[in-house]
Amino acid sequence: MTKNITLSADETLIERAKEKARQENTSLNKLFREWVTKYISRENIDIEFDNLMQSLQDVRPGRKFSRDEMNER
């Protein structure tokens, strides 16, 4: 079920956001829904990061890298 909400922001800001959304072939409504989805899923990111770091705790590079090697691009 979709529910409507009312948000407020500076009129100029809203117009600029609408124009940018139009240029990206989307809508503020869609962008907001995507943002809310990402916002509520952030709580799991900490747990996922901790799990990843735990799984990599035994990984060791074969040797120490020099400062020059680490800064190579």
PDB file of N, CA and C in Angstrom:
ATOM      1  N   MET A   1       0.838  -1.174   0.000  1.00  0.00           N
ATOM      2  CA  MET A   1       0.000   0.000   0.000  1.00  0.00           C
ATOM      3  C   MET A   1       0.886   1.241   0.000  1.00  0.00           C
ATOM      4  N   THR A   2       0.595   2.157  -0.859  1.00  0.00           N
ATOM      5  CA  THR A   2       1.324   3.414  -0.945  1.00  0.00           C
ATOM      6  C   THR A   2       0.607   4.466  -0.122  1.00  0.00           C
ATOM      7  N   LYS A   3       1.394   5.248   0.614  1.00  0.00           N
ATOM      8  CA  LYS A   3       0.814   6.291   1.449  1.00  0.00           C
ATOM      9  C   LYS A   3       1.461   7.620   1.096  1.00  0.00           C
ATOM     10  N   ASN A   4       0.659   8.672   1.013  1.00  0.00           N
ATOM     11  CA  ASN A   4       1.173   9.997   0.707  1.00  0.00           C
ATOM     12  C   ASN A   4       1.654  10.687   1.973  1.00  0.00           C
ATOM     13  N   ILE A   5       2.733  11.473   1.808  1.00  0.00           N
ATOM     14  CA  ILE A   5       3.218  12.306   2.899  1.00  0.00           C
ATOM     15  C   ILE A   5       3.479  13.701   2.341  1.00  0.00           C
ATOM     16  N   THR A   6       3.580  14.666   3.208  1.00  0.00           N
ATOM     17  CA  THR A   6       3.886  16.030   2.795  1.00  0.00           C
ATOM     18  C   THR A   6       5.233  16.426   3.356  1.00  0.00           C
ATOM     19  N   LEU A   7       6.081  16.949   2.488  1.00  0.00           N
ATOM     20  CA  LEU A   7       7.393  17.431   2.884  1.00  0.00           C
ATOM     21  C   LEU A   7       7.481  18.911   2.530  1.00  0.00           C
ATOM     22  N   SER A   8       8.330  19.635   3.219  1.00  0.00           N
ATOM     23  CA  SER A   8       8.488  21.045   2.872  1.00  0.00           C
ATOM     24  C   SER A   8       9.959  21.366   2.679  1.00  0.00           C
ATOM     25  N   ALA A   9      10.230  22.279   1.743  1.00  0.00           N
ATOM     26  CA  ALA A   9      11.580  22.731   1.457  1.00  0.00           C
ATOM     27  C   ALA A   9      11.474  24.065   0.739  1.00  0.00           C
ATOM     28  N   ASP A  10      12.596  24.732   0.628  1.00  0.00           N
ATOM     29  CA  ASP A  10      12.638  26.009  -0.069  1.00  0.00           C
ATOM     30  C   ASP A  10      12.151  25.829  -1.512  1.00  0.00           C
ATOM     31  N   GLU A  11      11.330  26.762  -1.978  1.00  0.00           N
ATOM     32  CA  GLU A  11      10.725  26.660  -3.310  1.00  0.00           C
ATOM     33  C   GLU A  11      11.785  26.559  -4.410  1.00  0.00           C
ATOM     34  N   THR A  12      12.828  27.353  -4.302  1.00  0.00           N
ATOM     35  CA  THR A  12      13.900  27.319  -5.299  1.00  0.00           C
ATOM     36  C   THR A  12      14.579  25.954  -5.316  1.00  0.00           C
ATOM     37  N   LEU A  13      14.811  25.417  -4.150  1.00  0.00           N
ATOM     38  CA  LEU A  13      15.432  24.099  -4.036  1.00  0.00           C
ATOM     39  C   LEU A  13      14.566  23.027  -4.696  1.00  0.00           C
ATOM     40  N   ILE A  14      13.283  23.101  -4.452  1.00  0.00           N
ATOM     41  CA  ILE A  14      12.352  22.129  -5.049  1.00  0.00           C
ATOM     42  C   ILE A  14      12.362  22.240  -6.567  1.00  0.00           C
ATOM     43  N   GLU A  15      12.313  23.450  -7.084  1.00  0.00           N
ATOM     44  CA  GLU A  15      12.312  23.635  -8.537  1.00  0.00           C
ATOM     45  C   GLU A  15      13.604  23.124  -9.164  1.00  0.00           C
ATOM     46  N   ARG A  16      14.718  23.390  -8.517  1.00  0.00           N
ATOM     47  CA  ARG A  16      15.996  22.896  -9.037  1.00  0.00           C
ATOM     48  C   ARG A  16      16.033  21.369  -9.010  1.00  0.00           C
ATOM     49  N   ALA A  17      15.504  20.776  -7.948  1.00  0.00           N
ATOM     50  CA  ALA A  17      15.464  19.316  -7.843  1.00  0.00           C
ATOM     51  C   ALA A  17      14.556  18.713  -8.911  1.00  0.00           C
ATOM     52  N   LYS A  18      13.413  19.344  -9.143  1.00  0.00           N
ATOM     53  CA  LYS A  18      12.498  18.855 -10.187  1.00  0.00           C
ATOM     54  C   LYS A  18      13.166  18.898 -11.549  1.00  0.00           C
ATOM     55  N   GLU A  19      13.866  19.998 -11.834  1.00  0.00           N
ATOM     56  CA  GLU A  19      14.547  20.134 -13.123  1.00  0.00           C
ATOM     57  C   GLU A  19      15.625  19.065 -13.279  1.00  0.00           C
ATOM     58  N   LYS A  20      16.395  18.845 -12.242  1.00  0.00           N
ATOM     59  CA  LYS A  20      17.435  17.813 -12.310  1.00  0.00           C
ATOM     60  C   LYS A  20      16.811  16.434 -12.507  1.00  0.00           C
ATOM     61  N   ALA A  21      15.726  16.160 -11.815  1.00  0.00           N
ATOM     62  CA  ALA A  21      15.036  14.876 -11.979  1.00  0.00           C
ATOM     63  C   ALA A  21      14.529  14.718 -13.411  1.00  0.00           C
ATOM     64  N   ARG A  22      13.978  15.798 -13.971  1.00  0.00           N
ATOM     65  CA  ARG A  22      13.514  15.746 -15.368  1.00  0.00           C
ATOM     66  C   ARG A  22      14.666  15.414 -16.305  1.00  0.00           C
ATOM     67  N   GLN A  23      15.821  16.039 -16.078  1.00  0.00           N
ATOM     68  CA  GLN A  23      16.995  15.771 -16.916  1.00  0.00           C
ATOM     69  C   GLN A  23      17.444  14.318 -16.802  1.00  0.00           C
ATOM     70  N   GLU A  24      17.180  13.713 -15.656  1.00  0.00           N
ATOM     71  CA  GLU A  24      17.562  12.316 -15.433  1.00  0.00           C
ATOM     72  C   GLU A  24      16.416  11.350 -15.740  1.00  0.00           C
ATOM     73  N   ASN A  25      15.356  11.880 -16.347  1.00  0.00           N
ATOM     74  CA  ASN A  25      14.181  11.080 -16.723  1.00  0.00           C
ATOM     75  C   ASN A  25      13.584  10.329 -15.534  1.00  0.00           C
ATOM     76  N   THR A  26      13.432  11.026 -14.433  1.00  0.00           N
ATOM     77  CA  THR A  26      12.834  10.428 -13.249  1.00  0.00           C
ATOM     78  C   THR A  26      11.980  11.479 -12.554  1.00  0.00           C
ATOM     79  N   SER A  27      11.528  11.186 -11.351  1.00  0.00           N
ATOM     80  CA  SER A  27      10.694  12.131 -10.599  1.00  0.00           C
ATOM     81  C   SER A  27      11.229  12.251  -9.177  1.00  0.00           C
ATOM     82  N   LEU A  28      10.863  13.340  -8.513  1.00  0.00           N
ATOM     83  CA  LEU A  28      11.251  13.498  -7.114  1.00  0.00           C
ATOM     84  C   LEU A  28      10.636  12.389  -6.272  1.00  0.00           C
ATOM     85  N   ASN A  29       9.433  12.001  -6.602  1.00  0.00           N
ATOM     86  CA  ASN A  29       8.759  10.938  -5.870  1.00  0.00           C
ATOM     87  C   ASN A  29       9.560   9.638  -5.930  1.00  0.00           C
ATOM     88  N   LYS A  30      10.015   9.279  -7.127  1.00  0.00           N
ATOM     89  CA  LYS A  30      10.801   8.051  -7.288  1.00  0.00           C
ATOM     90  C   LYS A  30      12.131   8.177  -6.548  1.00  0.00           C
ATOM     91  N   LEU A  31      12.778   9.338  -6.664  1.00  0.00           N
ATOM     92  CA  LEU A  31      14.040   9.547  -5.968  1.00  0.00           C
ATOM     93  C   LEU A  31      13.868   9.447  -4.462  1.00  0.00           C
ATOM     94  N   PHE A  32      12.776   9.983  -3.947  1.00  0.00           N
ATOM     95  CA  PHE A  32      12.511   9.902  -2.509  1.00  0.00           C
ATOM     96  C   PHE A  32      12.299   8.462  -2.064  1.00  0.00           C
ATOM     97  N   ARG A  33      11.526   7.697  -2.832  1.00  0.00           N
ATOM     98  CA  ARG A  33      11.310   6.288  -2.493  1.00  0.00           C
ATOM     99  C   ARG A  33      12.634   5.529  -2.464  1.00  0.00           C
ATOM    100  N   GLU A  34      13.512   5.800  -3.448  1.00  0.00           N
ATOM    101  CA  GLU A  34      14.825   5.142  -3.473  1.00  0.00           C
ATOM    102  C   GLU A  34      15.655   5.545  -2.256  1.00  0.00           C
ATOM    103  N   TRP A  35      15.604   6.838  -1.902  1.00  0.00           N
ATOM    104  CA  TRP A  35      16.356   7.312  -0.746  1.00  0.00           C
ATOM    105  C   TRP A  35      15.868   6.639   0.536  1.00  0.00           C
ATOM    106  N   VAL A  36      14.553   6.544   0.722  1.00  0.00           N
ATOM    107  CA  VAL A  36      13.997   5.924   1.931  1.00  0.00           C
ATOM    108  C   VAL A  36      14.436   4.464   2.018  1.00  0.00           C
ATOM    109  N   THR A  37      14.412   3.773   0.902  1.00  0.00           N
ATOM    110  CA  THR A  37      14.843   2.376   0.878  1.00  0.00           C
ATOM    111  C   THR A  37      16.302   2.253   1.312  1.00  0.00           C
ATOM    112  N   LYS A  38      17.169   3.107   0.770  1.00  0.00           N
ATOM    113  CA  LYS A  38      18.585   3.075   1.158  1.00  0.00           C
ATOM    114  C   LYS A  38      18.756   3.471   2.621  1.00  0.00           C
ATOM    115  N   TYR A  39      17.994   4.447   3.059  1.00  0.00           N
ATOM    116  CA  TYR A  39      18.108   4.946   4.432  1.00  0.00           C
ATOM    117  C   TYR A  39      17.793   3.854   5.453  1.00  0.00           C
ATOM    118  N   ILE A  40      16.724   3.121   5.230  1.00  0.00           N
ATOM    119  CA  ILE A  40      16.360   2.085   6.203  1.00  0.00           C
ATOM    120  C   ILE A  40      17.257   0.859   6.106  1.00  0.00           C
ATOM    121  N   SER A  41      17.907   0.650   4.968  1.00  0.00           N
ATOM    122  CA  SER A  41      18.778  -0.519   4.842  1.00  0.00           C
ATOM    123  C   SER A  41      20.173  -0.252   5.391  1.00  0.00           C
ATOM    124  N   ARG A  42      20.489   1.006   5.751  1.00  0.00           N
ATOM    125  CA  ARG A  42      21.814   1.322   6.285  1.00  0.00           C
ATOM    126  C   ARG A  42      22.095   0.615   7.599  1.00  0.00           C
ATOM    127  N   GLU A  43      21.055   0.293   8.351  1.00  0.00           N
ATOM    128  CA  GLU A  43      21.284  -0.353   9.646  1.00  0.00           C
ATOM    129  C   GLU A  43      21.959  -1.705   9.486  1.00  0.00           C
ATOM    130  N   ASN A  44      21.785  -2.336   8.332  1.00  0.00           N
ATOM    131  CA  ASN A  44      22.402  -3.636   8.092  1.00  0.00           C
ATOM    132  C   ASN A  44      23.836  -3.516   7.593  1.00  0.00           C
ATOM    133  N   ILE A  45      24.220  -2.345   7.131  1.00  0.00           N
ATOM    134  CA  ILE A  45      25.550  -2.167   6.570  1.00  0.00           C
ATOM    135  C   ILE A  45      26.622  -2.417   7.621  1.00  0.00           C
ATOM    136  N   ASP A  46      26.410  -1.930   8.836  1.00  0.00           N
ATOM    137  CA  ASP A  46      27.389  -2.142   9.903  1.00  0.00           C
ATOM    138  C   ASP A  46      27.625  -3.625  10.148  1.00  0.00           C
ATOM    139  N   ILE A  47      26.554  -4.376  10.205  1.00  0.00           N
ATOM    140  CA  ILE A  47      26.663  -5.819  10.456  1.00  0.00           C
ATOM    141  C   ILE A  47      27.371  -6.502   9.292  1.00  0.00           C
ATOM    142  N   GLU A  48      27.011  -6.119   8.051  1.00  0.00           N
ATOM    143  CA  GLU A  48      27.647  -6.717   6.879  1.00  0.00           C
ATOM    144  C   GLU A  48      29.138  -6.398   6.843  1.00  0.00           C
ATOM    145  N   PHE A  49      29.499  -5.148   7.180  1.00  0.00           N
ATOM    146  CA  PHE A  49      30.905  -4.762   7.203  1.00  0.00           C
ATOM    147  C   PHE A  49      31.664  -5.568   8.250  1.00  0.00           C
ATOM    148  N   ASP A  50      31.106  -5.675   9.447  1.00  0.00           N
ATOM    149  CA  ASP A  50      31.753  -6.448  10.509  1.00  0.00           C
ATOM    150  C   ASP A  50      31.950  -7.904  10.096  1.00  0.00           C
ATOM    151  N   ASN A  51      30.939  -8.476   9.450  1.00  0.00           N
ATOM    152  CA  ASN A  51      31.045  -9.861   8.982  1.00  0.00           C
ATOM    153  C   ASN A  51      32.138 -10.007   7.927  1.00  0.00           C
ATOM    154  N   LEU A  52      32.222  -9.038   7.019  1.00  0.00           N
ATOM    155  CA  LEU A  52      33.259  -9.073   5.992  1.00  0.00           C
ATOM    156  C   LEU A  52      34.640  -8.983   6.623  1.00  0.00           C
ATOM    157  N   MET A  53      34.826  -8.045   7.536  1.00  0.00           N
ATOM    158  CA  MET A  53      36.124  -7.892   8.192  1.00  0.00           C
ATOM    159  C   MET A  53      36.495  -9.146   8.983  1.00  0.00           C
ATOM    160  N   GLN A  54      35.525  -9.757   9.610  1.00  0.00           N
ATOM    161  CA  GLN A  54      35.761 -11.001  10.340  1.00  0.00           C
ATOM    162  C   GLN A  54      36.213 -12.104   9.393  1.00  0.00           C
ATOM    163  N   SER A  55      35.571 -12.185   8.220  1.00  0.00           N
ATOM    164  CA  SER A  55      35.930 -13.237   7.265  1.00  0.00           C
ATOM    165  C   SER A  55      37.304 -12.997   6.646  1.00  0.00           C
ATOM    166  N   LEU A  56      37.798 -11.763   6.670  1.00  0.00           N
ATOM    167  CA  LEU A  56      39.094 -11.443   6.073  1.00  0.00           C
ATOM    168  C   LEU A  56      40.220 -11.339   7.100  1.00  0.00           C
ATOM    169  N   GLN A  57      39.946 -11.635   8.346  1.00  0.00           N
ATOM    170  CA  GLN A  57      40.950 -11.427   9.396  1.00  0.00           C
ATOM    171  C   GLN A  57      42.215 -12.253   9.196  1.00  0.00           C
ATOM    172  N   ASP A  58      42.117 -13.367   8.508  1.00  0.00           N
ATOM    173  CA  ASP A  58      43.294 -14.213   8.303  1.00  0.00           C
ATOM    174  C   ASP A  58      44.027 -13.914   6.994  1.00  0.00           C
ATOM    175  N   VAL A  59      43.535 -13.001   6.209  1.00  0.00           N
ATOM    176  CA  VAL A  59      44.169 -12.652   4.935  1.00  0.00           C
ATOM    177  C   VAL A  59      45.387 -11.776   5.211  1.00  0.00           C
ATOM    178  N   ARG A  60      46.511 -12.178   4.670  1.00  0.00           N
ATOM    179  CA  ARG A  60      47.750 -11.433   4.847  1.00  0.00           C
ATOM    180  C   ARG A  60      48.393 -11.225   3.480  1.00  0.00           C
ATOM    181  N   PRO A  61      48.905 -10.027   3.226  1.00  0.00           N
ATOM    182  CA  PRO A  61      49.642  -9.849   1.971  1.00  0.00           C
ATOM    183  C   PRO A  61      50.934 -10.658   2.051  1.00  0.00           C
ATOM    184  N   GLY A  62      51.480 -11.017   0.931  1.00  0.00           N
ATOM    185  CA  GLY A  62      52.690 -11.824   0.914  1.00  0.00           C
ATOM    186  C   GLY A  62      53.904 -11.097   1.444  1.00  0.00           C
ATOM    187  N   ARG A  63      53.882  -9.774   1.392  1.00  0.00           N
ATOM    188  CA  ARG A  63      55.028  -9.004   1.846  1.00  0.00           C
ATOM    189  C   ARG A  63      54.574  -7.594   2.179  1.00  0.00           C
ATOM    190  N   LYS A  64      55.457  -6.825   2.757  1.00  0.00           N
ATOM    191  CA  LYS A  64      55.157  -5.421   3.023  1.00  0.00           C
ATOM    192  C   LYS A  64      55.486  -4.622   1.770  1.00  0.00           C
ATOM    193  N   PHE A  65      54.636  -3.664   1.462  1.00  0.00           N
ATOM    194  CA  PHE A  65      54.852  -2.830   0.296  1.00  0.00           C
ATOM    195  C   PHE A  65      55.577  -1.556   0.698  1.00  0.00           C
ATOM    196  N   SER A  66      56.414  -1.061  -0.214  1.00  0.00           N
ATOM    197  CA  SER A  66      57.121   0.203   0.054  1.00  0.00           C
ATOM    198  C   SER A  66      56.121   1.348  -0.114  1.00  0.00           C
ATOM    199  N   ARG A  67      56.489   2.493   0.420  1.00  0.00           N
ATOM    200  CA  ARG A  67      55.631   3.680   0.302  1.00  0.00           C
ATOM    201  C   ARG A  67      55.354   3.999  -1.164  1.00  0.00           C
ATOM    202  N   ASP A  68      56.382   3.918  -2.016  1.00  0.00           N
ATOM    203  CA  ASP A  68      56.211   4.196  -3.447  1.00  0.00           C
ATOM    204  C   ASP A  68      55.239   3.209  -4.097  1.00  0.00           C
ATOM    205  N   GLU A  69      55.360   1.931  -3.740  1.00  0.00           N
ATOM    206  CA  GLU A  69      54.455   0.924  -4.306  1.00  0.00           C
ATOM    207  C   GLU A  69      53.011   1.190  -3.892  1.00  0.00           C
ATOM    208  N   MET A  70      52.807   1.576  -2.644  1.00  0.00           N
ATOM    209  CA  MET A  70      51.449   1.824  -2.167  1.00  0.00           C
ATOM    210  C   MET A  70      50.831   3.058  -2.821  1.00  0.00           C
ATOM    211  N   ASN A  71      51.672   3.997  -3.257  1.00  0.00           N
ATOM    212  CA  ASN A  71      51.159   5.234  -3.844  1.00  0.00           C
ATOM    213  C   ASN A  71      51.118   5.202  -5.361  1.00  0.00           C
ATOM    214  N   GLU A  72      51.537   4.101  -5.983  1.00  0.00           N
ATOM    215  CA  GLU A  72      51.471   3.974  -7.434  1.00  0.00           C
ATOM    216  C   GLU A  72      50.027   3.980  -7.894  1.00  0.00           C
ATOM    217  N   ARG A  73      49.824   4.563  -9.038  1.00  0.00           N
ATOM    218  CA  ARG A  73      48.460   4.584  -9.612  1.00  0.00           C
ATOM    219  C   ARG A  73      48.473   3.991 -10.977  1.00  0.00           C
TER     220      ARG A  73
END
